[in-house]
């Protein structure tokens, strides 16, 4: 999957649909599920003596949502976009926004066989 941890994404479907970008906290199941900050919050009831809540009570937890329900947010363009992969002149693989063409980060180091000649 092209969505990575700490990316800004917009939730495009479901109960938490919004136009405001939120940060990805975790990517699960090989990129099929993502945990987004402040989205799909659920309560876990814990007994007294639980390591995260010694006095007991309700813990708020963000649950994973399907990665197909989020879209990468391009900060340079100020809107959501689809991501793709391309090779730079030196042979490094990078993510880029398909609409604007802006780079979204290097994925792999440069390799001579993919460099432009």
PDB file of N, CA and C in Angstrom:
ATOM      1  N   UNK A   1       0.838  -1.186   0.000  1.00  0.00           N
ATOM      2  CA  UNK A   1       0.000   0.000   0.000  1.00  0.00           C
ATOM      3  C   UNK A   1       0.875   1.239   0.000  1.00  0.00           C
ATOM      4  N   UNK A   2       0.362   2.286  -0.537  1.00  0.00           N
ATOM      5  CA  UNK A   2       1.151   3.498  -0.697  1.00  0.00           C
ATOM      6  C   UNK A   2       1.054   4.447   0.486  1.00  0.00           C
ATOM      7  N   UNK A   3       0.102   4.252   1.389  1.00  0.00           N
ATOM      8  CA  UNK A   3      -0.026   5.096   2.577  1.00  0.00           C
ATOM      9  C   UNK A   3       0.969   4.605   3.625  1.00  0.00           C
ATOM     10  N   UNK A   4       1.717   5.541   4.211  1.00  0.00           N
ATOM     11  CA  UNK A   4       2.733   5.215   5.202  1.00  0.00           C
ATOM     12  C   UNK A   4       2.397   5.888   6.533  1.00  0.00           C
ATOM     13  N   UNK A   5       3.090   5.453   7.586  1.00  0.00           N
ATOM     14  CA  UNK A   5       2.933   6.049   8.905  1.00  0.00           C
ATOM     15  C   UNK A   5       3.352   7.523   8.851  1.00  0.00           C
ATOM     16  N   UNK A   6       2.634   8.377   9.572  1.00  0.00           N
ATOM     17  CA  UNK A   6       2.854   9.828   9.666  1.00  0.00           C
ATOM     18  C   UNK A   6       2.459  10.604   8.417  1.00  0.00           C
ATOM     19  N   UNK A   7       1.818   9.963   7.432  1.00  0.00           N
ATOM     20  CA  UNK A   7       1.267  10.695   6.293  1.00  0.00           C
ATOM     21  C   UNK A   7       0.027  11.446   6.740  1.00  0.00           C
ATOM     22  N   UNK A   8      -0.267  12.550   6.062  1.00  0.00           N
ATOM     23  CA  UNK A   8      -1.536  13.238   6.271  1.00  0.00           C
ATOM     24  C   UNK A   8      -2.532  12.675   5.264  1.00  0.00           C
ATOM     25  N   UNK A   9      -3.698  12.259   5.758  1.00  0.00           N
ATOM     26  CA  UNK A   9      -4.715  11.686   4.887  1.00  0.00           C
ATOM     27  C   UNK A   9      -6.059  12.346   5.161  1.00  0.00           C
ATOM     28  N   UNK A  10      -6.962  12.221   4.203  1.00  0.00           N
ATOM     29  CA  UNK A  10      -8.339  12.677   4.334  1.00  0.00           C
ATOM     30  C   UNK A  10      -9.221  11.438   4.276  1.00  0.00           C
ATOM     31  N   UNK A  11     -10.147  11.324   5.225  1.00  0.00           N
ATOM     32  CA  UNK A  11     -11.081  10.193   5.224  1.00  0.00           C
ATOM     33  C   UNK A  11     -12.163  10.493   4.200  1.00  0.00           C
ATOM     34  N   UNK A  12     -12.311   9.620   3.188  1.00  0.00           N
ATOM     35  CA  UNK A  12     -13.215   9.886   2.071  1.00  0.00           C
ATOM     36  C   UNK A  12     -14.530   9.121   2.146  1.00  0.00           C
ATOM     37  N   UNK A  13     -14.644   8.139   3.051  1.00  0.00           N
ATOM     38  CA  UNK A  13     -15.865   7.336   3.122  1.00  0.00           C
ATOM     39  C   UNK A  13     -16.089   6.869   4.553  1.00  0.00           C
ATOM     40  N   UNK A  14     -17.326   6.550   4.849  1.00  0.00           N
ATOM     41  CA  UNK A  14     -17.657   6.027   6.169  1.00  0.00           C
ATOM     42  C   UNK A  14     -18.209   7.093   7.101  1.00  0.00           C
ATOM     43  N   UNK A  15     -18.389   6.725   8.369  1.00  0.00           N
ATOM     44  CA  UNK A  15     -18.982   7.628   9.352  1.00  0.00           C
ATOM     45  C   UNK A  15     -18.090   8.822   9.673  1.00  0.00           C
ATOM     46  N   UNK A  16     -16.811   8.721   9.415  1.00  0.00           N
ATOM     47  CA  UNK A  16     -15.874   9.776   9.784  1.00  0.00           C
ATOM     48  C   UNK A  16     -15.385  10.554   8.567  1.00  0.00           C
ATOM     49  N   UNK A  17     -16.201  10.578   7.515  1.00  0.00           N
ATOM     50  CA  UNK A  17     -15.841  11.297   6.295  1.00  0.00           C
ATOM     51  C   UNK A  17     -15.625  12.777   6.610  1.00  0.00           C
ATOM     52  N   UNK A  18     -14.523  13.332   6.086  1.00  0.00           N
ATOM     53  CA  UNK A  18     -14.178  14.704   6.409  1.00  0.00           C
ATOM     54  C   UNK A  18     -13.262  15.265   5.336  1.00  0.00           C
ATOM     55  N   UNK A  19     -13.124  16.593   5.314  1.00  0.00           N
ATOM     56  CA  UNK A  19     -12.195  17.234   4.392  1.00  0.00           C
ATOM     57  C   UNK A  19     -10.931  17.679   5.106  1.00  0.00           C
ATOM     58  N   UNK A  20     -10.893  17.547   6.433  1.00  0.00           N
ATOM     59  CA  UNK A  20      -9.723  17.952   7.212  1.00  0.00           C
ATOM     60  C   UNK A  20      -8.688  16.833   7.219  1.00  0.00           C
ATOM     61  N   UNK A  21      -7.412  17.152   6.931  1.00  0.00           N
ATOM     62  CA  UNK A  21      -6.376  16.108   6.956  1.00  0.00           C
ATOM     63  C   UNK A  21      -6.059  15.661   8.375  1.00  0.00           C
ATOM     64  N   UNK A  22      -5.813  14.370   8.539  1.00  0.00           N
ATOM     65  CA  UNK A  22      -5.448  13.779   9.829  1.00  0.00           C
ATOM     66  C   UNK A  22      -4.210  12.917   9.632  1.00  0.00           C
ATOM     67  N   UNK A  23      -3.475  12.684  10.711  1.00  0.00           N
ATOM     68  CA  UNK A  23      -2.213  11.939  10.658  1.00  0.00           C
ATOM     69  C   UNK A  23      -2.459  10.434  10.837  1.00  0.00           C
ATOM     70  N   UNK A  24      -1.731   9.632  10.047  1.00  0.00           N
ATOM     71  CA  UNK A  24      -1.777   8.172  10.165  1.00  0.00           C
ATOM     72  C   UNK A  24      -0.864   7.764  11.315  1.00  0.00           C
ATOM     73  N   UNK A  25      -1.410   7.040  12.298  1.00  0.00           N
ATOM     74  CA  UNK A  25      -0.640   6.599  13.455  1.00  0.00           C
ATOM     75  C   UNK A  25       0.010   5.247  13.237  1.00  0.00           C
ATOM     76  N   UNK A  26      -0.657   4.393  12.447  1.00  0.00           N
ATOM     77  CA  UNK A  26      -0.165   3.024  12.282  1.00  0.00           C
ATOM     78  C   UNK A  26      -0.744   2.431  10.998  1.00  0.00           C
ATOM     79  N   UNK A  27       0.035   1.582  10.349  1.00  0.00           N
ATOM     80  CA  UNK A  27      -0.426   0.838   9.174  1.00  0.00           C
ATOM     81  C   UNK A  27      -0.410  -0.636   9.544  1.00  0.00           C
ATOM     82  N   UNK A  28      -1.534  -1.332   9.322  1.00  0.00           N
ATOM     83  CA  UNK A  28      -1.658  -2.743   9.713  1.00  0.00           C
ATOM     84  C   UNK A  28      -1.992  -3.613   8.506  1.00  0.00           C
ATOM     85  N   UNK A  29      -1.837  -4.910   8.696  1.00  0.00           N
ATOM     86  CA  UNK A  29      -2.217  -5.927   7.703  1.00  0.00           C
ATOM     87  C   UNK A  29      -1.590  -5.671   6.335  1.00  0.00           C
ATOM     88  N   UNK A  30      -0.336  -5.285   6.330  1.00  0.00           N
ATOM     89  CA  UNK A  30       0.362  -5.078   5.070  1.00  0.00           C
ATOM     90  C   UNK A  30      -0.173  -3.914   4.260  1.00  0.00           C
ATOM     91  N   UNK A  31      -0.763  -2.933   4.905  1.00  0.00           N
ATOM     92  CA  UNK A  31      -1.261  -1.753   4.219  1.00  0.00           C
ATOM     93  C   UNK A  31      -2.743  -1.767   3.941  1.00  0.00           C
ATOM     94  N   UNK A  32      -3.450  -2.805   4.359  1.00  0.00           N
ATOM     95  CA  UNK A  32      -4.888  -2.877   4.101  1.00  0.00           C
ATOM     96  C   UNK A  32      -5.711  -2.074   5.111  1.00  0.00           C
ATOM     97  N   UNK A  33      -5.169  -1.882   6.314  1.00  0.00           N
ATOM     98  CA  UNK A  33      -5.861  -1.134   7.373  1.00  0.00           C
ATOM     99  C   UNK A  33      -4.946  -0.023   7.871  1.00  0.00           C
ATOM    100  N   UNK A  34      -5.532   1.104   8.254  1.00  0.00           N
ATOM    101  CA  UNK A  34      -4.764   2.206   8.829  1.00  0.00           C
ATOM    102  C   UNK A  34      -5.466   2.715  10.080  1.00  0.00           C
ATOM    103  N   UNK A  35      -4.674   3.171  11.045  1.00  0.00           N
ATOM    104  CA  UNK A  35      -5.194   3.812  12.249  1.00  0.00           C
ATOM    105  C   UNK A  35      -4.936   5.293  12.077  1.00  0.00           C
ATOM    106  N   UNK A  36      -6.020   6.088  12.068  1.00  0.00           N
ATOM    107  CA  UNK A  36      -5.926   7.519  11.827  1.00  0.00           C
ATOM    108  C   UNK A  36      -6.261   8.253  13.115  1.00  0.00           C
ATOM    109  N   UNK A  37      -5.511   9.301  13.396  1.00  0.00           N
ATOM    110  CA  UNK A  37      -5.664  10.077  14.628  1.00  0.00           C
ATOM    111  C   UNK A  37      -7.068  10.684  14.726  1.00  0.00           C
ATOM    112  N   UNK A  38      -7.784  10.366  15.794  1.00  0.00           N
ATOM    113  CA  UNK A  38      -9.102  10.934  16.049  1.00  0.00           C
ATOM    114  C   UNK A  38     -10.238  10.338  15.249  1.00  0.00           C
ATOM    115  N   UNK A  39     -10.001   9.254  14.519  1.00  0.00           N
ATOM    116  CA  UNK A  39     -11.031   8.627  13.689  1.00  0.00           C
ATOM    117  C   UNK A  39     -11.325   7.239  14.244  1.00  0.00           C
ATOM    118  N   UNK A  40     -12.594   6.847  14.267  1.00  0.00           N
ATOM    119  CA  UNK A  40     -13.044   5.535  14.733  1.00  0.00           C
ATOM    120  C   UNK A  40     -12.597   5.281  16.175  1.00  0.00           C
ATOM    121  N   UNK A  41     -12.911   6.233  17.055  1.00  0.00           N
ATOM    122  CA  UNK A  41     -12.545   6.106  18.466  1.00  0.00           C
ATOM    123  C   UNK A  41     -13.556   5.206  19.163  1.00  0.00           C
ATOM    124  N   UNK A  42     -13.051   4.218  19.905  1.00  0.00           N
ATOM    125  CA  UNK A  42     -13.900   3.295  20.659  1.00  0.00           C
ATOM    126  C   UNK A  42     -13.425   3.270  22.100  1.00  0.00           C
ATOM    127  N   UNK A  43     -14.280   2.804  22.990  1.00  0.00           N
ATOM    128  CA  UNK A  43     -13.940   2.707  24.407  1.00  0.00           C
ATOM    129  C   UNK A  43     -13.660   1.259  24.773  1.00  0.00           C
ATOM    130  N   UNK A  44     -12.580   1.057  25.519  1.00  0.00           N
ATOM    131  CA  UNK A  44     -12.269  -0.270  26.055  1.00  0.00           C
ATOM    132  C   UNK A  44     -12.428  -0.158  27.567  1.00  0.00           C
ATOM    133  N   UNK A  45     -13.287  -0.978  28.140  1.00  0.00           N
ATOM    134  CA  UNK A  45     -13.519  -0.966  29.573  1.00  0.00           C
ATOM    135  C   UNK A  45     -12.513  -1.894  30.241  1.00  0.00           C
ATOM    136  N   UNK A  46     -11.747  -1.357  31.186  1.00  0.00           N
ATOM    137  CA  UNK A  46     -10.703  -2.140  31.845  1.00  0.00           C
ATOM    138  C   UNK A  46     -10.943  -2.192  33.345  1.00  0.00           C
ATOM    139  N   UNK A  47     -10.537  -3.305  33.946  1.00  0.00           N
ATOM    140  CA  UNK A  47     -10.653  -3.467  35.389  1.00  0.00           C
ATOM    141  C   UNK A  47      -9.535  -2.729  36.108  1.00  0.00           C
ATOM    142  N   UNK A  48      -9.713  -2.543  37.373  1.00  0.00           N
ATOM    143  CA  UNK A  48      -8.702  -1.918  38.207  1.00  0.00           C
ATOM    144  C   UNK A  48      -7.427  -2.769  38.164  1.00  0.00           C
ATOM    145  N   UNK A  49      -6.270  -2.104  38.047  1.00  0.00           N
ATOM    146  CA  UNK A  49      -5.007  -2.805  37.995  1.00  0.00           C
ATOM    147  C   UNK A  49      -4.470  -2.999  36.590  1.00  0.00           C
ATOM    148  N   UNK A  50      -5.182  -2.527  35.562  1.00  0.00           N
ATOM    149  CA  UNK A  50      -4.706  -2.621  34.185  1.00  0.00           C
ATOM    150  C   UNK A  50      -3.484  -1.719  34.015  1.00  0.00           C
ATOM    151  N   UNK A  51      -2.451  -2.160  33.282  1.00  0.00           N
ATOM    152  CA  UNK A  51      -1.220  -1.362  33.155  1.00  0.00           C
ATOM    153  C   UNK A  51      -1.433   0.048  32.578  1.00  0.00           C
ATOM    154  N   UNK A  52      -2.370   0.197  31.656  1.00  0.00           N
ATOM    155  CA  UNK A  52      -2.591   1.508  31.053  1.00  0.00           C
ATOM    156  C   UNK A  52      -3.518   2.389  31.886  1.00  0.00           C
ATOM    157  N   UNK A  53      -4.267   1.803  32.798  1.00  0.00           N
ATOM    158  CA  UNK A  53      -5.184   2.565  33.645  1.00  0.00           C
ATOM    159  C   UNK A  53      -5.298   1.857  34.995  1.00  0.00           C
ATOM    160  N   UNK A  54      -4.378   2.138  35.938  1.00  0.00           N
ATOM    161  CA  UNK A  54      -4.356   1.421  37.225  1.00  0.00           C
ATOM    162  C   UNK A  54      -5.650   1.554  38.030  1.00  0.00           C
ATOM    163  N   UNK A  55      -6.358   2.692  37.888  1.00  0.00           N
ATOM    164  CA  UNK A  55      -7.597   2.865  38.648  1.00  0.00           C
ATOM    165  C   UNK A  55      -8.800   2.229  37.958  1.00  0.00           C
ATOM    166  N   UNK A  56      -8.607   1.734  36.724  1.00  0.00           N
ATOM    167  CA  UNK A  56      -9.707   1.131  35.977  1.00  0.00           C
ATOM    168  C   UNK A  56     -10.497   2.195  35.251  1.00  0.00           C
ATOM    169  N   UNK A  57     -11.513   1.798  34.511  1.00  0.00           N
ATOM    170  CA  UNK A  57     -12.365   2.747  33.806  1.00  0.00           C
ATOM    171  C   UNK A  57     -12.417   2.467  32.314  1.00  0.00           C
ATOM    172  N   UNK A  58     -12.597   3.570  31.549  1.00  0.00           N
ATOM    173  CA  UNK A  58     -12.736   3.465  30.098  1.00  0.00           C
ATOM    174  C   UNK A  58     -11.515   4.080  29.422  1.00  0.00           C
ATOM    175  N   UNK A  59     -10.908   3.319  28.523  1.00  0.00           N
ATOM    176  CA  UNK A  59      -9.792   3.822  27.726  1.00  0.00           C
ATOM    177  C   UNK A  59     -10.292   4.142  26.324  1.00  0.00           C
ATOM    178  N   UNK A  60      -9.911   5.308  25.803  1.00  0.00           N
ATOM    179  CA  UNK A  60     -10.249   5.634  24.421  1.00  0.00           C
ATOM    180  C   UNK A  60      -9.172   5.062  23.511  1.00  0.00           C
ATOM    181  N   UNK A  61      -9.594   4.351  22.473  1.00  0.00           N
ATOM    182  CA  UNK A  61      -8.660   3.751  21.525  1.00  0.00           C
ATOM    183  C   UNK A  61      -9.117   4.066  20.106  1.00  0.00           C
ATOM    184  N   UNK A  62      -8.156   4.361  19.235  1.00  0.00           N
ATOM    185  CA  UNK A  62      -8.470   4.526  17.822  1.00  0.00           C
ATOM    186  C   UNK A  62      -8.438   3.161  17.149  1.00  0.00           C
ATOM    187  N   UNK A  63      -9.489   2.824  16.444  1.00  0.00           N
ATOM    188  CA  UNK A  63      -9.582   1.546  15.769  1.00  0.00           C
ATOM    189  C   UNK A  63      -9.142   1.707  14.312  1.00  0.00           C
ATOM    190  N   UNK A  64      -8.736   0.619  13.700  1.00  0.00           N
ATOM    191  CA  UNK A  64      -8.277   0.643  12.310  1.00  0.00           C
ATOM    192  C   UNK A  64      -9.463   0.772  11.354  1.00  0.00           C
ATOM    193  N   UNK A  65      -9.258   1.513  10.277  1.00  0.00           N
ATOM    194  CA  UNK A  65     -10.247   1.601   9.207  1.00  0.00           C
ATOM    195  C   UNK A  65      -9.581   1.102   7.924  1.00  0.00           C
ATOM    196  N   UNK A  66     -10.386   0.789   6.924  1.00  0.00           N
ATOM    197  CA  UNK A  66      -9.848   0.266   5.674  1.00  0.00           C
ATOM    198  C   UNK A  66      -9.071   1.348   4.937  1.00  0.00           C
ATOM    199  N   UNK A  67      -7.949   0.978   4.367  1.00  0.00           N
ATOM    200  CA  UNK A  67      -7.086   1.938   3.679  1.00  0.00           C
ATOM    201  C   UNK A  67      -7.748   2.510   2.426  1.00  0.00           C
ATOM    202  N   UNK A  68      -8.733   1.811   1.885  1.00  0.00           N
ATOM    203  CA  UNK A  68      -9.415   2.329   0.699  1.00  0.00           C
ATOM    204  C   UNK A  68     -10.319   3.513   1.041  1.00  0.00           C
ATOM    205  N   UNK A  69     -10.551   3.758   2.326  1.00  0.00           N
ATOM    206  CA  UNK A  69     -11.402   4.870   2.754  1.00  0.00           C
ATOM    207  C   UNK A  69     -10.620   6.142   3.040  1.00  0.00           C
ATOM    208  N   UNK A  70      -9.326   6.143   2.782  1.00  0.00           N
ATOM    209  CA  UNK A  70      -8.524   7.345   2.998  1.00  0.00           C
ATOM    210  C   UNK A  70      -7.781   7.704   1.719  1.00  0.00           C
ATOM    211  N   UNK A  71      -7.422   8.995   1.617  1.00  0.00           N
ATOM    212  CA  UNK A  71      -6.688   9.500   0.474  1.00  0.00           C
ATOM    213  C   UNK A  71      -5.547  10.369   0.973  1.00  0.00           C
ATOM    214  N   UNK A  72      -4.390  10.241   0.366  1.00  0.00           N
ATOM    215  CA  UNK A  72      -3.219  11.039   0.739  1.00  0.00           C
ATOM    216  C   UNK A  72      -3.520  12.518   0.523  1.00  0.00           C
ATOM    217  N   UNK A  73      -3.089  13.371   1.476  1.00  0.00           N
ATOM    218  CA  UNK A  73      -3.304  14.814   1.371  1.00  0.00           C
ATOM    219  C   UNK A  73      -2.015  15.479   0.916  1.00  0.00           C
ATOM    220  N   UNK A  74      -2.054  16.136  -0.233  1.00  0.00           N
ATOM    221  CA  UNK A  74      -0.894  16.834  -0.787  1.00  0.00           C
ATOM    222  C   UNK A  74      -0.846  18.238  -0.178  1.00  0.00           C
ATOM    223  N   UNK A  75       0.134  18.493   0.675  1.00  0.00           N
ATOM    224  CA  UNK A  75       0.220  19.778   1.360  1.00  0.00           C
ATOM    225  C   UNK A  75       0.571  20.908   0.406  1.00  0.00           C
ATOM    226  N   UNK A  76       1.367  20.636  -0.611  1.00  0.00           N
ATOM    227  CA  UNK A  76       1.757  21.672  -1.561  1.00  0.00           C
ATOM    228  C   UNK A  76       0.543  22.159  -2.365  1.00  0.00           C
ATOM    229  N   UNK A  77      -0.298  21.224  -2.798  1.00  0.00           N
ATOM    230  CA  UNK A  77      -1.480  21.583  -3.584  1.00  0.00           C
ATOM    231  C   UNK A  77      -2.664  21.928  -2.686  1.00  0.00           C
ATOM    232  N   UNK A  78      -2.651  21.439  -1.443  1.00  0.00           N
ATOM    233  CA  UNK A  78      -3.740  21.727  -0.512  1.00  0.00           C
ATOM    234  C   UNK A  78      -4.994  20.912  -0.745  1.00  0.00           C
ATOM    235  N   UNK A  79      -4.845  19.751  -1.385  1.00  0.00           N
ATOM    236  CA  UNK A  79      -6.012  18.902  -1.628  1.00  0.00           C
ATOM    237  C   UNK A  79      -5.598  17.444  -1.674  1.00  0.00           C
ATOM    238  N   UNK A  80      -6.552  16.508  -1.530  1.00  0.00           N
ATOM    239  CA  UNK A  80      -6.235  15.079  -1.586  1.00  0.00           C
ATOM    240  C   UNK A  80      -5.831  14.669  -3.002  1.00  0.00           C
ATOM    241  N   UNK A  81      -5.016  13.614  -3.083  1.00  0.00           N
ATOM    242  CA  UNK A  81      -4.584  13.139  -4.396  1.00  0.00           C
ATOM    243  C   UNK A  81      -4.324  11.640  -4.335  1.00  0.00           C
ATOM    244  N   UNK A  82      -4.234  11.041  -5.529  1.00  0.00           N
ATOM    245  CA  UNK A  82      -3.846   9.643  -5.653  1.00  0.00           C
ATOM    246  C   UNK A  82      -2.334   9.577  -5.732  1.00  0.00           C
ATOM    247  N   UNK A  83      -1.771   8.495  -5.220  1.00  0.00           N
ATOM    248  CA  UNK A  83      -0.325   8.328  -5.222  1.00  0.00           C
ATOM    249  C   UNK A  83       0.110   7.327  -6.275  1.00  0.00           C
ATOM    250  N   UNK A  84       1.294   7.542  -6.806  1.00  0.00           N
ATOM    251  CA  UNK A  84       1.900   6.608  -7.728  1.00  0.00           C
ATOM    252  C   UNK A  84       3.384   6.498  -7.426  1.00  0.00           C
ATOM    253  N   UNK A  85       4.071   5.624  -8.136  1.00  0.00           N
ATOM    254  CA  UNK A  85       5.520   5.455  -7.991  1.00  0.00           C
ATOM    255  C   UNK A  85       6.197   5.845  -9.294  1.00  0.00           C
ATOM    256  N   UNK A  86       7.385   6.435  -9.173  1.00  0.00           N
ATOM    257  CA  UNK A  86       8.203   6.739 -10.346  1.00  0.00           C
ATOM    258  C   UNK A  86       9.670   6.721  -9.932  1.00  0.00           C
ATOM    259  N   UNK A  87      10.541   6.668 -10.930  1.00  0.00           N
ATOM    260  CA  UNK A  87      11.982   6.685 -10.682  1.00  0.00           C
ATOM    261  C   UNK A  87      12.534   8.062 -11.009  1.00  0.00           C
ATOM    262  N   UNK A  88      13.440   8.547 -10.169  1.00  0.00           N
ATOM    263  CA  UNK A  88      14.099   9.822 -10.410  1.00  0.00           C
ATOM    264  C   UNK A  88      15.267   9.613 -11.373  1.00  0.00           C
ATOM    265  N   UNK A  89      15.961  10.710 -11.728  1.00  0.00           N
ATOM    266  CA  UNK A  89      17.087  10.601 -12.666  1.00  0.00           C
ATOM    267  C   UNK A  89      18.206   9.729 -12.130  1.00  0.00           C
ATOM    268  N   UNK A  90      18.415   9.757 -10.801  1.00  0.00           N
ATOM    269  CA  UNK A  90      19.511   8.960 -10.228  1.00  0.00           C
ATOM    270  C   UNK A  90      19.107   7.513  -9.946  1.00  0.00           C
ATOM    271  N   UNK A  91      17.867   7.144 -10.214  1.00  0.00           N
ATOM    272  CA  UNK A  91      17.426   5.762 -10.053  1.00  0.00           C
ATOM    273  C   UNK A  91      16.723   5.468  -8.750  1.00  0.00           C
ATOM    274  N   UNK A  92      16.456   6.489  -7.932  1.00  0.00           N
ATOM    275  CA  UNK A  92      15.729   6.291  -6.675  1.00  0.00           C
ATOM    276  C   UNK A  92      14.231   6.195  -6.970  1.00  0.00           C
ATOM    277  N   UNK A  93      13.547   5.345  -6.232  1.00  0.00           N
ATOM    278  CA  UNK A  93      12.099   5.190  -6.390  1.00  0.00           C
ATOM    279  C   UNK A  93      11.421   6.138  -5.420  1.00  0.00           C
ATOM    280  N   UNK A  94      10.433   6.905  -5.916  1.00  0.00           N
ATOM    281  CA  UNK A  94       9.732   7.852  -5.054  1.00  0.00           C
ATOM    282  C   UNK A  94       8.227   7.776  -5.268  1.00  0.00           C
ATOM    283  N   UNK A  95       7.492   8.198  -4.231  1.00  0.00           N
ATOM    284  CA  UNK A  95       6.043   8.347  -4.352  1.00  0.00           C
ATOM    285  C   UNK A  95       5.768   9.751  -4.882  1.00  0.00           C
ATOM    286  N   UNK A  96       4.707   9.880  -5.688  1.00  0.00           N
ATOM    287  CA  UNK A  96       4.351  11.207  -6.181  1.00  0.00           C
ATOM    288  C   UNK A  96       2.834  11.318  -6.321  1.00  0.00           C
ATOM    289  N   UNK A  97       2.335  12.538  -6.279  1.00  0.00           N
ATOM    290  CA  UNK A  97       0.901  12.793  -6.453  1.00  0.00           C
ATOM    291  C   UNK A  97       0.600  12.824  -7.945  1.00  0.00           C
ATOM    292  N   UNK A  98      -0.370  12.030  -8.349  1.00  0.00           N
ATOM    293  CA  UNK A  98      -0.668  11.905  -9.765  1.00  0.00           C
ATOM    294  C   UNK A  98      -1.286  13.175 -10.346  1.00  0.00           C
ATOM    295  N   UNK A  99      -2.043  13.915  -9.550  1.00  0.00           N
ATOM    296  CA  UNK A  99      -2.688  15.119 -10.066  1.00  0.00           C
ATOM    297  C   UNK A  99      -1.723  16.265 -10.274  1.00  0.00           C
ATOM    298  N   UNK A 100      -0.887  16.532  -9.287  1.00  0.00           N
ATOM    299  CA  UNK A 100       0.005  17.687  -9.346  1.00  0.00           C
ATOM    300  C   UNK A 100       1.426  17.334  -9.748  1.00  0.00           C
ATOM    301  N   UNK A 101       1.831  16.077  -9.594  1.00  0.00           N
ATOM    302  CA  UNK A 101       3.189  15.668  -9.916  1.00  0.00           C
ATOM    303  C   UNK A 101       4.189  15.942  -8.809  1.00  0.00           C
ATOM    304  N   UNK A 102       3.709  16.413  -7.640  1.00  0.00           N
ATOM    305  CA  UNK A 102       4.602  16.704  -6.518  1.00  0.00           C
ATOM    306  C   UNK A 102       5.133  15.421  -5.896  1.00  0.00           C
ATOM    307  N   UNK A 103       6.406  15.439  -5.497  1.00  0.00           N
ATOM    308  CA  UNK A 103       7.018  14.281  -4.844  1.00  0.00           C
ATOM    309  C   UNK A 103       6.477  14.134  -3.429  1.00  0.00           C
ATOM    310  N   UNK A 104       6.297  12.879  -2.972  1.00  0.00           N
ATOM    311  CA  UNK A 104       5.775  12.603  -1.636  1.00  0.00           C
ATOM    312  C   UNK A 104       6.757  11.801  -0.801  1.00  0.00           C
ATOM    313  N   UNK A 105       8.007  11.696  -1.243  1.00  0.00           N
ATOM    314  CA  UNK A 105       9.016  10.998  -0.458  1.00  0.00           C
ATOM    315  C   UNK A 105       9.674   9.862  -1.210  1.00  0.00           C
ATOM    316  N   UNK A 106      10.920   9.616  -0.849  1.00  0.00           N
ATOM    317  CA  UNK A 106      11.710   8.543  -1.462  1.00  0.00           C
ATOM    318  C   UNK A 106      11.334   7.211  -0.814  1.00  0.00           C
ATOM    319  N   UNK A 107      11.157   6.175  -1.624  1.00  0.00           N
ATOM    320  CA  UNK A 107      10.792   4.852  -1.138  1.00  0.00           C
ATOM    321  C   UNK A 107      12.015   3.947  -1.033  1.00  0.00           C
ATOM    322  N   UNK A 108      12.890   3.986  -2.048  1.00  0.00           N
ATOM    323  CA  UNK A 108      14.079   3.137  -2.032  1.00  0.00           C
ATOM    324  C   UNK A 108      15.287   3.944  -2.502  1.00  0.00           C
ATOM    325  N   UNK A 109      16.483   3.525  -2.106  1.00  0.00           N
ATOM    326  CA  UNK A 109      17.689   4.257  -2.495  1.00  0.00           C
ATOM    327  C   UNK A 109      17.956   4.148  -3.994  1.00  0.00           C
ATOM    328  N   UNK A 110      18.847   5.008  -4.507  1.00  0.00           N
ATOM    329  CA  UNK A 110      19.160   4.978  -5.937  1.00  0.00           C
ATOM    330  C   UNK A 110      19.764   3.649  -6.380  1.00  0.00           C
ATOM    331  N   UNK A 111      19.366   3.202  -7.576  1.00  0.00           N
ATOM    332  CA  UNK A 111      19.912   1.999  -8.197  1.00  0.00           C
ATOM    333  C   UNK A 111      20.329   2.358  -9.615  1.00  0.00           C
ATOM    334  N   UNK A 112      21.508   1.923  -9.983  1.00  0.00           N
ATOM    335  CA  UNK A 112      22.082   2.307 -11.275  1.00  0.00           C
ATOM    336  C   UNK A 112      21.236   1.834 -12.457  1.00  0.00           C
ATOM    337  N   UNK A 113      20.610   0.669 -12.344  1.00  0.00           N
ATOM    338  CA  UNK A 113      19.871   0.143 -13.501  1.00  0.00           C
ATOM    339  C   UNK A 113      18.593   0.931 -13.811  1.00  0.00           C
ATOM    340  N   UNK A 114      18.105   1.751 -12.851  1.00  0.00           N
ATOM    341  CA  UNK A 114      16.910   2.568 -13.093  1.00  0.00           C
ATOM    342  C   UNK A 114      17.247   4.020 -13.361  1.00  0.00           C
ATOM    343  N   UNK A 115      18.515   4.384 -13.352  1.00  0.00           N
ATOM    344  CA  UNK A 115      18.929   5.768 -13.585  1.00  0.00           C
ATOM    345  C   UNK A 115      18.751   6.140 -15.052  1.00  0.00           C
ATOM    346  N   UNK A 116      18.428   7.419 -15.289  1.00  0.00           N
ATOM    347  CA  UNK A 116      18.301   7.914 -16.659  1.00  0.00           C
ATOM    348  C   UNK A 116      19.682   7.985 -17.304  1.00  0.00           C
ATOM    349  N   UNK A 117      19.732   7.654 -18.574  1.00  0.00           N
ATOM    350  CA  UNK A 117      21.031   7.647 -19.257  1.00  0.00           C
ATOM    351  C   UNK A 117      21.160   8.790 -20.208  1.00  0.00           C
TER     352      UNK A 117
END
